[in-house]
Amino acid sequence: MGPDWRLVVPWVVLAAMVAILPFYLASGLVAPLWAVVGLLLCWAALAYLVVRWRRSHPFGVLVLPVVAIGWWFLVISAGEAWLGWTA
C-alpha cells in the first residue's frame, strides 16, 4: 500500500514554504525595512495556514506556496516600479 497523500502533502508544502523563506529574507537588499517586515509577516501567516489547514484541507494547502511566491514577486515588482526600490 502506498503512502497516505493526505499526510504527505502538507509536509511537502511546508518544505516548499521553508524553501521560499530566503527570498523573503533577501528582500532587504531591495526593499526598505518596513516592507521586509510586512513581507515576513505575510509569509508567517501563510505558513500558519499550512499548519492550520493540514488536516481540514490537505490538498488545498498546495496553493499556498504559489501564493507566497506570487505575493513576494508582486510586492517587490510594485516597489521597484512605483516606489523606486533598487538594489
PDB file of N, CA and C in Angstrom:
ATOM      1  N   MET A   1       0.835  -1.178   0.000  1.00  0.00           N
ATOM      2  CA  MET A   1       0.000   0.000   0.000  1.00  0.00           C
ATOM      3  C   MET A   1       0.883   1.245   0.000  1.00  0.00           C
ATOM      4  N   GLY A   2       0.522   2.240  -0.776  1.00  0.00           N
ATOM      5  CA  GLY A   2       1.301   3.469  -0.909  1.00  0.00           C
ATOM      6  C   GLY A   2       1.086   4.411   0.264  1.00  0.00           C
ATOM      7  N   PRO A   3       1.782   5.511   0.218  1.00  0.00           N
ATOM      8  CA  PRO A   3       1.642   6.486   1.303  1.00  0.00           C
ATOM      9  C   PRO A   3       0.274   7.154   1.272  1.00  0.00           C
ATOM     10  N   ASP A   4      -0.151   7.600   2.427  1.00  0.00           N
ATOM     11  CA  ASP A   4      -1.396   8.358   2.528  1.00  0.00           C
ATOM     12  C   ASP A   4      -1.066   9.805   2.168  1.00  0.00           C
ATOM     13  N   TRP A   5      -1.439  10.227   0.966  1.00  0.00           N
ATOM     14  CA  TRP A   5      -1.062  11.537   0.449  1.00  0.00           C
ATOM     15  C   TRP A   5      -1.626  12.677   1.272  1.00  0.00           C
ATOM     16  N   ARG A   6      -2.717  12.436   1.985  1.00  0.00           N
ATOM     17  CA  ARG A   6      -3.274  13.489   2.844  1.00  0.00           C
ATOM     18  C   ARG A   6      -2.337  13.824   3.992  1.00  0.00           C
ATOM     19  N   LEU A   7      -1.451  12.889   4.338  1.00  0.00           N
ATOM     20  CA  LEU A   7      -0.467  13.146   5.383  1.00  0.00           C
ATOM     21  C   LEU A   7       0.845  13.674   4.812  1.00  0.00           C
ATOM     22  N   VAL A   8       1.176  13.290   3.595  1.00  0.00           N
ATOM     23  CA  VAL A   8       2.461  13.656   2.984  1.00  0.00           C
ATOM     24  C   VAL A   8       2.426  15.071   2.404  1.00  0.00           C
ATOM     25  N   VAL A   9       1.333  15.420   1.724  1.00  0.00           N
ATOM     26  CA  VAL A   9       1.255  16.695   1.009  1.00  0.00           C
ATOM     27  C   VAL A   9       1.509  17.900   1.917  1.00  0.00           C
ATOM     28  N   PRO A  10       0.900  18.005   3.084  1.00  0.00           N
ATOM     29  CA  PRO A  10       1.185  19.186   3.914  1.00  0.00           C
ATOM     30  C   PRO A  10       2.659  19.328   4.304  1.00  0.00           C
ATOM     31  N   TRP A  11       3.352  18.227   4.499  1.00  0.00           N
ATOM     32  CA  TRP A  11       4.779  18.305   4.838  1.00  0.00           C
ATOM     33  C   TRP A  11       5.596  18.776   3.647  1.00  0.00           C
ATOM     34  N   VAL A  12       5.230  18.353   2.461  1.00  0.00           N
ATOM     35  CA  VAL A  12       5.912  18.816   1.250  1.00  0.00           C
ATOM     36  C   VAL A  12       5.657  20.308   1.056  1.00  0.00           C
ATOM     37  N   VAL A  13       4.434  20.734   1.296  1.00  0.00           N
ATOM     38  CA  VAL A  13       4.091  22.150   1.178  1.00  0.00           C
ATOM     39  C   VAL A  13       4.843  22.969   2.218  1.00  0.00           C
ATOM     40  N   LEU A  14       4.945  22.479   3.425  1.00  0.00           N
ATOM     41  CA  LEU A  14       5.696  23.197   4.456  1.00  0.00           C
ATOM     42  C   LEU A  14       7.170  23.299   4.077  1.00  0.00           C
ATOM     43  N   ALA A  15       7.726  22.257   3.490  1.00  0.00           N
ATOM     44  CA  ALA A  15       9.113  22.310   2.997  1.00  0.00           C
ATOM     45  C   ALA A  15       9.248  23.349   1.887  1.00  0.00           C
ATOM     46  N   ALA A  16       8.242  23.449   1.022  1.00  0.00           N
ATOM     47  CA  ALA A  16       8.264  24.469  -0.030  1.00  0.00           C
ATOM     48  C   ALA A  16       8.206  25.868   0.565  1.00  0.00           C
ATOM     49  N   MET A  17       7.434  26.037   1.616  1.00  0.00           N
ATOM     50  CA  MET A  17       7.366  27.344   2.282  1.00  0.00           C
ATOM     51  C   MET A  17       8.720  27.713   2.890  1.00  0.00           C
ATOM     52  N   VAL A  18       9.395  26.744   3.463  1.00  0.00           N
ATOM     53  CA  VAL A  18      10.722  26.998   4.020  1.00  0.00           C
ATOM     54  C   VAL A  18      11.703  27.335   2.896  1.00  0.00           C
ATOM     55  N   ALA A  19      11.547  26.707   1.741  1.00  0.00           N
ATOM     56  CA  ALA A  19      12.415  26.997   0.597  1.00  0.00           C
ATOM     57  C   ALA A  19      12.177  28.402   0.051  1.00  0.00           C
ATOM     58  N   ILE A  20      10.993  28.932   0.204  1.00  0.00           N
ATOM     59  CA  ILE A  20      10.659  30.283  -0.260  1.00  0.00           C
ATOM     60  C   ILE A  20      11.154  31.342   0.722  1.00  0.00           C
ATOM     61  N   LEU A  21      11.320  30.984   1.974  1.00  0.00           N
ATOM     62  CA  LEU A  21      11.711  31.945   3.010  1.00  0.00           C
ATOM     63  C   LEU A  21      12.968  32.753   2.663  1.00  0.00           C
ATOM     64  N   PRO A  22      14.019  32.186   2.074  1.00  0.00           N
ATOM     65  CA  PRO A  22      15.196  33.014   1.740  1.00  0.00           C
ATOM     66  C   PRO A  22      14.888  34.170   0.793  1.00  0.00           C
ATOM     67  N   PHE A  23      13.913  34.005  -0.095  1.00  0.00           N
ATOM     68  CA  PHE A  23      13.520  35.114  -0.964  1.00  0.00           C
ATOM     69  C   PHE A  23      12.966  36.265  -0.135  1.00  0.00           C
ATOM     70  N   TYR A  24      12.151  35.943   0.838  1.00  0.00           N
ATOM     71  CA  TYR A  24      11.578  36.960   1.711  1.00  0.00           C
ATOM     72  C   TYR A  24      12.669  37.622   2.556  1.00  0.00           C
ATOM     73  N   LEU A  25      13.600  36.835   3.061  1.00  0.00           N
ATOM     74  CA  LEU A  25      14.679  37.388   3.879  1.00  0.00           C
ATOM     75  C   LEU A  25      15.625  38.257   3.060  1.00  0.00           C
ATOM     76  N   ALA A  26      15.874  37.877   1.820  1.00  0.00           N
ATOM     77  CA  ALA A  26      16.787  38.640   0.962  1.00  0.00           C
ATOM     78  C   ALA A  26      16.135  39.896   0.390  1.00  0.00           C
ATOM     79  N   SER A  27      14.875  40.095   0.646  1.00  0.00           N
ATOM     80  CA  SER A  27      14.189  41.280   0.144  1.00  0.00           C
ATOM     81  C   SER A  27      14.784  42.561   0.700  1.00  0.00           C
ATOM     82  N   GLY A  28      15.479  42.466   1.799  1.00  0.00           N
ATOM     83  CA  GLY A  28      16.123  43.630   2.396  1.00  0.00           C
ATOM     84  C   GLY A  28      17.190  44.237   1.502  1.00  0.00           C
ATOM     85  N   LEU A  29      17.638  43.504   0.493  1.00  0.00           N
ATOM     86  CA  LEU A  29      18.598  44.056  -0.457  1.00  0.00           C
ATOM     87  C   LEU A  29      17.943  45.067  -1.391  1.00  0.00           C
ATOM     88  N   VAL A  30      16.626  44.988  -1.538  1.00  0.00           N
ATOM     89  CA  VAL A  30      15.895  45.865  -2.451  1.00  0.00           C
ATOM     90  C   VAL A  30      14.900  46.739  -1.709  1.00  0.00           C
ATOM     91  N   ALA A  31      14.196  46.175  -0.767  1.00  0.00           N
ATOM     92  CA  ALA A  31      13.083  46.846  -0.102  1.00  0.00           C
ATOM     93  C   ALA A  31      13.521  47.461   1.226  1.00  0.00           C
ATOM     94  N   PRO A  32      12.799  48.497   1.663  1.00  0.00           N
ATOM     95  CA  PRO A  32      13.081  49.071   2.988  1.00  0.00           C
ATOM     96  C   PRO A  32      12.628  48.128   4.105  1.00  0.00           C
ATOM     97  N   LEU A  33      13.081  48.419   5.301  1.00  0.00           N
ATOM     98  CA  LEU A  33      12.812  47.542   6.448  1.00  0.00           C
ATOM     99  C   LEU A  33      11.321  47.317   6.675  1.00  0.00           C
ATOM    100  N   TRP A  34      10.520  48.371   6.565  1.00  0.00           N
ATOM    101  CA  TRP A  34       9.086  48.212   6.819  1.00  0.00           C
ATOM    102  C   TRP A  34       8.454  47.226   5.833  1.00  0.00           C
ATOM    103  N   ALA A  35       8.928  47.227   4.598  1.00  0.00           N
ATOM    104  CA  ALA A  35       8.378  46.297   3.608  1.00  0.00           C
ATOM    105  C   ALA A  35       8.831  44.868   3.883  1.00  0.00           C
ATOM    106  N   VAL A  36      10.070  44.711   4.314  1.00  0.00           N
ATOM    107  CA  VAL A  36      10.577  43.372   4.630  1.00  0.00           C
ATOM    108  C   VAL A  36       9.821  42.798   5.820  1.00  0.00           C
ATOM    109  N   VAL A  37       9.582  43.610   6.828  1.00  0.00           N
ATOM    110  CA  VAL A  37       8.814  43.151   7.994  1.00  0.00           C
ATOM    111  C   VAL A  37       7.407  42.750   7.564  1.00  0.00           C
ATOM    112  N   GLY A  38       6.776  43.553   6.719  1.00  0.00           N
ATOM    113  CA  GLY A  38       5.445  43.215   6.215  1.00  0.00           C
ATOM    114  C   GLY A  38       5.438  41.925   5.415  1.00  0.00           C
ATOM    115  N   LEU A  39       6.453  41.749   4.571  1.00  0.00           N
ATOM    116  CA  LEU A  39       6.552  40.509   3.795  1.00  0.00           C
ATOM    117  C   LEU A  39       6.740  39.301   4.710  1.00  0.00           C
ATOM    118  N   LEU A  40       7.585  39.442   5.707  1.00  0.00           N
ATOM    119  CA  LEU A  40       7.814  38.321   6.636  1.00  0.00           C
ATOM    120  C   LEU A  40       6.555  37.989   7.432  1.00  0.00           C
ATOM    121  N   LEU A  41       5.778  38.991   7.783  1.00  0.00           N
ATOM    122  CA  LEU A  41       4.512  38.729   8.465  1.00  0.00           C
ATOM    123  C   LEU A  41       3.540  37.993   7.546  1.00  0.00           C
ATOM    124  N   CYS A  42       3.521  38.360   6.270  1.00  0.00           N
ATOM    125  CA  CYS A  42       2.683  37.650   5.299  1.00  0.00           C
ATOM    126  C   CYS A  42       3.137  36.208   5.149  1.00  0.00           C
ATOM    127  N   TRP A  43       4.460  36.000   5.071  1.00  0.00           N
ATOM    128  CA  TRP A  43       4.980  34.636   4.953  1.00  0.00           C
ATOM    129  C   TRP A  43       4.583  33.820   6.188  1.00  0.00           C
ATOM    130  N   ALA A  44       4.704  34.418   7.367  1.00  0.00           N
ATOM    131  CA  ALA A  44       4.350  33.715   8.604  1.00  0.00           C
ATOM    132  C   ALA A  44       2.860  33.363   8.621  1.00  0.00           C
ATOM    133  N   ALA A  45       2.024  34.256   8.124  1.00  0.00           N
ATOM    134  CA  ALA A  45       0.585  33.971   8.064  1.00  0.00           C
ATOM    135  C   ALA A  45       0.299  32.811   7.113  1.00  0.00           C
ATOM    136  N   LEU A  46       0.978  32.780   5.976  1.00  0.00           N
ATOM    137  CA  LEU A  46       0.780  31.672   5.037  1.00  0.00           C
ATOM    138  C   LEU A  46       1.305  30.355   5.612  1.00  0.00           C
ATOM    139  N   ALA A  47       2.445  30.404   6.299  1.00  0.00           N
ATOM    140  CA  ALA A  47       2.973  29.197   6.938  1.00  0.00           C
ATOM    141  C   ALA A  47       2.017  28.712   8.031  1.00  0.00           C
ATOM    142  N   TYR A  48       1.422  29.645   8.758  1.00  0.00           N
ATOM    143  CA  TYR A  48       0.435  29.287   9.770  1.00  0.00           C
ATOM    144  C   TYR A  48      -0.769  28.586   9.127  1.00  0.00           C
ATOM    145  N   LEU A  49      -1.194  29.094   7.959  1.00  0.00           N
ATOM    146  CA  LEU A  49      -2.315  28.459   7.263  1.00  0.00           C
ATOM    147  C   LEU A  49      -1.981  27.033   6.842  1.00  0.00           C
ATOM    148  N   VAL A  50      -0.735  26.802   6.447  1.00  0.00           N
ATOM    149  CA  VAL A  50      -0.332  25.428   6.096  1.00  0.00           C
ATOM    150  C   VAL A  50      -0.536  24.518   7.297  1.00  0.00           C
ATOM    151  N   VAL A  51      -0.071  24.963   8.449  1.00  0.00           N
ATOM    152  CA  VAL A  51      -0.189  24.144   9.666  1.00  0.00           C
ATOM    153  C   VAL A  51      -1.658  24.002  10.071  1.00  0.00           C
ATOM    154  N   ARG A  52      -2.397  25.080   9.980  1.00  0.00           N
ATOM    155  CA  ARG A  52      -3.802  25.079  10.397  1.00  0.00           C
ATOM    156  C   ARG A  52      -4.680  24.227   9.476  1.00  0.00           C
ATOM    157  N   TRP A  53      -4.415  24.286   8.161  1.00  0.00           N
ATOM    158  CA  TRP A  53      -5.247  23.592   7.181  1.00  0.00           C
ATOM    159  C   TRP A  53      -4.775  22.182   6.873  1.00  0.00           C
ATOM    160  N   ARG A  54      -3.710  21.716   7.481  1.00  0.00           N
ATOM    161  CA  ARG A  54      -3.124  20.431   7.071  1.00  0.00           C
ATOM    162  C   ARG A  54      -4.093  19.260   7.208  1.00  0.00           C
ATOM    163  N   ARG A  55      -5.030  19.346   8.104  1.00  0.00           N
ATOM    164  CA  ARG A  55      -5.991  18.244   8.272  1.00  0.00           C
ATOM    165  C   ARG A  55      -7.320  18.522   7.580  1.00  0.00           C
ATOM    166  N   SER A  56      -7.774  19.764   7.633  1.00  0.00           N
ATOM    167  CA  SER A  56      -9.085  20.065   7.055  1.00  0.00           C
ATOM    168  C   SER A  56      -9.028  20.266   5.542  1.00  0.00           C
ATOM    169  N   HIS A  57      -7.891  20.760   5.013  1.00  0.00           N
ATOM    170  CA  HIS A  57      -7.727  20.991   3.573  1.00  0.00           C
ATOM    171  C   HIS A  57      -6.371  20.448   3.125  1.00  0.00           C
ATOM    172  N   PRO A  58      -6.148  19.134   3.213  1.00  0.00           N
ATOM    173  CA  PRO A  58      -4.802  18.610   2.935  1.00  0.00           C
ATOM    174  C   PRO A  58      -4.304  18.877   1.520  1.00  0.00           C
ATOM    175  N   PHE A  59      -5.197  18.973   0.548  1.00  0.00           N
ATOM    176  CA  PHE A  59      -4.761  19.275  -0.820  1.00  0.00           C
ATOM    177  C   PHE A  59      -4.933  20.754  -1.142  1.00  0.00           C
ATOM    178  N   GLY A  60      -5.711  21.456  -0.353  1.00  0.00           N
ATOM    179  CA  GLY A  60      -5.877  22.902  -0.532  1.00  0.00           C
ATOM    180  C   GLY A  60      -4.630  23.681  -0.179  1.00  0.00           C
ATOM    181  N   VAL A  61      -3.796  23.099   0.659  1.00  0.00           N
ATOM    182  CA  VAL A  61      -2.564  23.797   1.045  1.00  0.00           C
ATOM    183  C   VAL A  61      -1.577  23.878  -0.116  1.00  0.00           C
ATOM    184  N   LEU A  62      -1.787  23.112  -1.178  1.00  0.00           N
ATOM    185  CA  LEU A  62      -0.889  23.141  -2.328  1.00  0.00           C
ATOM    186  C   LEU A  62      -0.801  24.528  -2.969  1.00  0.00           C
ATOM    187  N   VAL A  63      -1.839  25.311  -2.824  1.00  0.00           N
ATOM    188  CA  VAL A  63      -1.856  26.631  -3.446  1.00  0.00           C
ATOM    189  C   VAL A  63      -1.047  27.660  -2.641  1.00  0.00           C
ATOM    190  N   LEU A  64      -0.791  27.406  -1.384  1.00  0.00           N
ATOM    191  CA  LEU A  64      -0.157  28.411  -0.525  1.00  0.00           C
ATOM    192  C   LEU A  64       1.276  28.767  -0.929  1.00  0.00           C
ATOM    193  N   PRO A  65       2.147  27.828  -1.307  1.00  0.00           N
ATOM    194  CA  PRO A  65       3.471  28.248  -1.778  1.00  0.00           C
ATOM    195  C   PRO A  65       3.402  29.070  -3.073  1.00  0.00           C
ATOM    196  N   VAL A  66       2.437  28.758  -3.919  1.00  0.00           N
ATOM    197  CA  VAL A  66       2.259  29.528  -5.152  1.00  0.00           C
ATOM    198  C   VAL A  66       1.832  30.953  -4.805  1.00  0.00           C
ATOM    199  N   VAL A  67       0.931  31.078  -3.850  1.00  0.00           N
ATOM    200  CA  VAL A  67       0.500  32.401  -3.382  1.00  0.00           C
ATOM    201  C   VAL A  67       1.682  33.136  -2.757  1.00  0.00           C
ATOM    202  N   ALA A  68       2.492  32.434  -1.978  1.00  0.00           N
ATOM    203  CA  ALA A  68       3.630  33.063  -1.298  1.00  0.00           C
ATOM    204  C   ALA A  68       4.637  33.628  -2.290  1.00  0.00           C
ATOM    205  N   ILE A  69       5.001  32.865  -3.310  1.00  0.00           N
ATOM    206  CA  ILE A  69       5.992  33.357  -4.268  1.00  0.00           C
ATOM    207  C   ILE A  69       5.376  34.428  -5.165  1.00  0.00           C
ATOM    208  N   GLY A  70       4.113  34.288  -5.496  1.00  0.00           N
ATOM    209  CA  GLY A  70       3.427  35.305  -6.291  1.00  0.00           C
ATOM    210  C   GLY A  70       3.309  36.625  -5.553  1.00  0.00           C
ATOM    211  N   TRP A  71       2.968  36.562  -4.276  1.00  0.00           N
ATOM    212  CA  TRP A  71       2.842  37.767  -3.457  1.00  0.00           C
ATOM    213  C   TRP A  71       4.199  38.473  -3.320  1.00  0.00           C
ATOM    214  N   TRP A  72       5.254  37.696  -3.076  1.00  0.00           N
ATOM    215  CA  TRP A  72       6.591  38.273  -2.962  1.00  0.00           C
ATOM    216  C   TRP A  72       6.969  38.982  -4.258  1.00  0.00           C
ATOM    217  N   PHE A  73       6.769  38.317  -5.382  1.00  0.00           N
ATOM    218  CA  PHE A  73       7.119  38.898  -6.678  1.00  0.00           C
ATOM    219  C   PHE A  73       6.307  40.166  -6.939  1.00  0.00           C
ATOM    220  N   LEU A  74       5.022  40.150  -6.620  1.00  0.00           N
ATOM    221  CA  LEU A  74       4.159  41.306  -6.822  1.00  0.00           C
ATOM    222  C   LEU A  74       4.612  42.497  -5.981  1.00  0.00           C
ATOM    223  N   VAL A  75       4.894  42.270  -4.710  1.00  0.00           N
ATOM    224  CA  VAL A  75       5.300  43.359  -3.814  1.00  0.00           C
ATOM    225  C   VAL A  75       6.640  43.942  -4.250  1.00  0.00           C
ATOM    226  N   ILE A  76       7.607  43.091  -4.543  1.00  0.00           N
ATOM    227  CA  ILE A  76       8.930  43.581  -4.946  1.00  0.00           C
ATOM    228  C   ILE A  76       8.841  44.311  -6.288  1.00  0.00           C
ATOM    229  N   SER A  77       8.095  43.774  -7.227  1.00  0.00           N
ATOM    230  CA  SER A  77       7.947  44.428  -8.533  1.00  0.00           C
ATOM    231  C   SER A  77       7.229  45.768  -8.411  1.00  0.00           C
ATOM    232  N   ALA A  78       6.178  45.820  -7.614  1.00  0.00           N
ATOM    233  CA  ALA A  78       5.454  47.079  -7.413  1.00  0.00           C
ATOM    234  C   ALA A  78       6.333  48.102  -6.710  1.00  0.00           C
ATOM    235  N   GLY A  79       7.113  47.656  -5.737  1.00  0.00           N
ATOM    236  CA  GLY A  79       8.020  48.575  -5.049  1.00  0.00           C
ATOM    237  C   GLY A  79       9.065  49.154  -5.980  1.00  0.00           C
ATOM    238  N   GLU A  80       9.580  48.326  -6.856  1.00  0.00           N
ATOM    239  CA  GLU A  80      10.564  48.806  -7.828  1.00  0.00           C
ATOM    240  C   GLU A  80       9.936  49.778  -8.818  1.00  0.00           C
ATOM    241  N   ALA A  81       8.734  49.463  -9.282  1.00  0.00           N
ATOM    242  CA  ALA A  81       8.086  50.277 -10.303  1.00  0.00           C
ATOM    243  C   ALA A  81       7.561  51.594  -9.751  1.00  0.00           C
ATOM    244  N   TRP A  82       6.918  51.558  -8.586  1.00  0.00           N
ATOM    245  CA  TRP A  82       6.212  52.736  -8.106  1.00  0.00           C
ATOM    246  C   TRP A  82       6.877  53.454  -6.942  1.00  0.00           C
ATOM    247  N   LEU A  83       7.723  52.751  -6.210  1.00  0.00           N
ATOM    248  CA  LEU A  83       8.354  53.375  -5.045  1.00  0.00           C
ATOM    249  C   LEU A  83       9.847  53.592  -5.214  1.00  0.00           C
ATOM    250  N   GLY A  84      10.394  53.172  -6.331  1.00  0.00           N
ATOM    251  CA  GLY A  84      11.791  53.408  -6.619  1.00  0.00           C
ATOM    252  C   GLY A  84      12.767  52.538  -5.858  1.00  0.00           C
ATOM    253  N   TRP A  85      12.336  51.350  -5.431  1.00  0.00           N
ATOM    254  CA  TRP A  85      13.263  50.461  -4.744  1.00  0.00           C
ATOM    255  C   TRP A  85      14.275  49.934  -5.743  1.00  0.00           C
ATOM    256  N   THR A  86      15.547  50.010  -5.403  1.00  0.00           N
ATOM    257  CA  THR A  86      16.587  49.465  -6.271  1.00  0.00           C
ATOM    258  C   THR A  86      17.607  48.719  -5.430  1.00  0.00           C
ATOM    259  N   ALA A  87      18.279  47.814  -6.051  1.00  0.00           N
ATOM    260  CA  ALA A  87      19.307  47.026  -5.352  1.00  0.00           C
ATOM    261  C   ALA A  87      20.594  47.823  -5.248  1.00  0.00           C
TER     262      ALA A  87
END
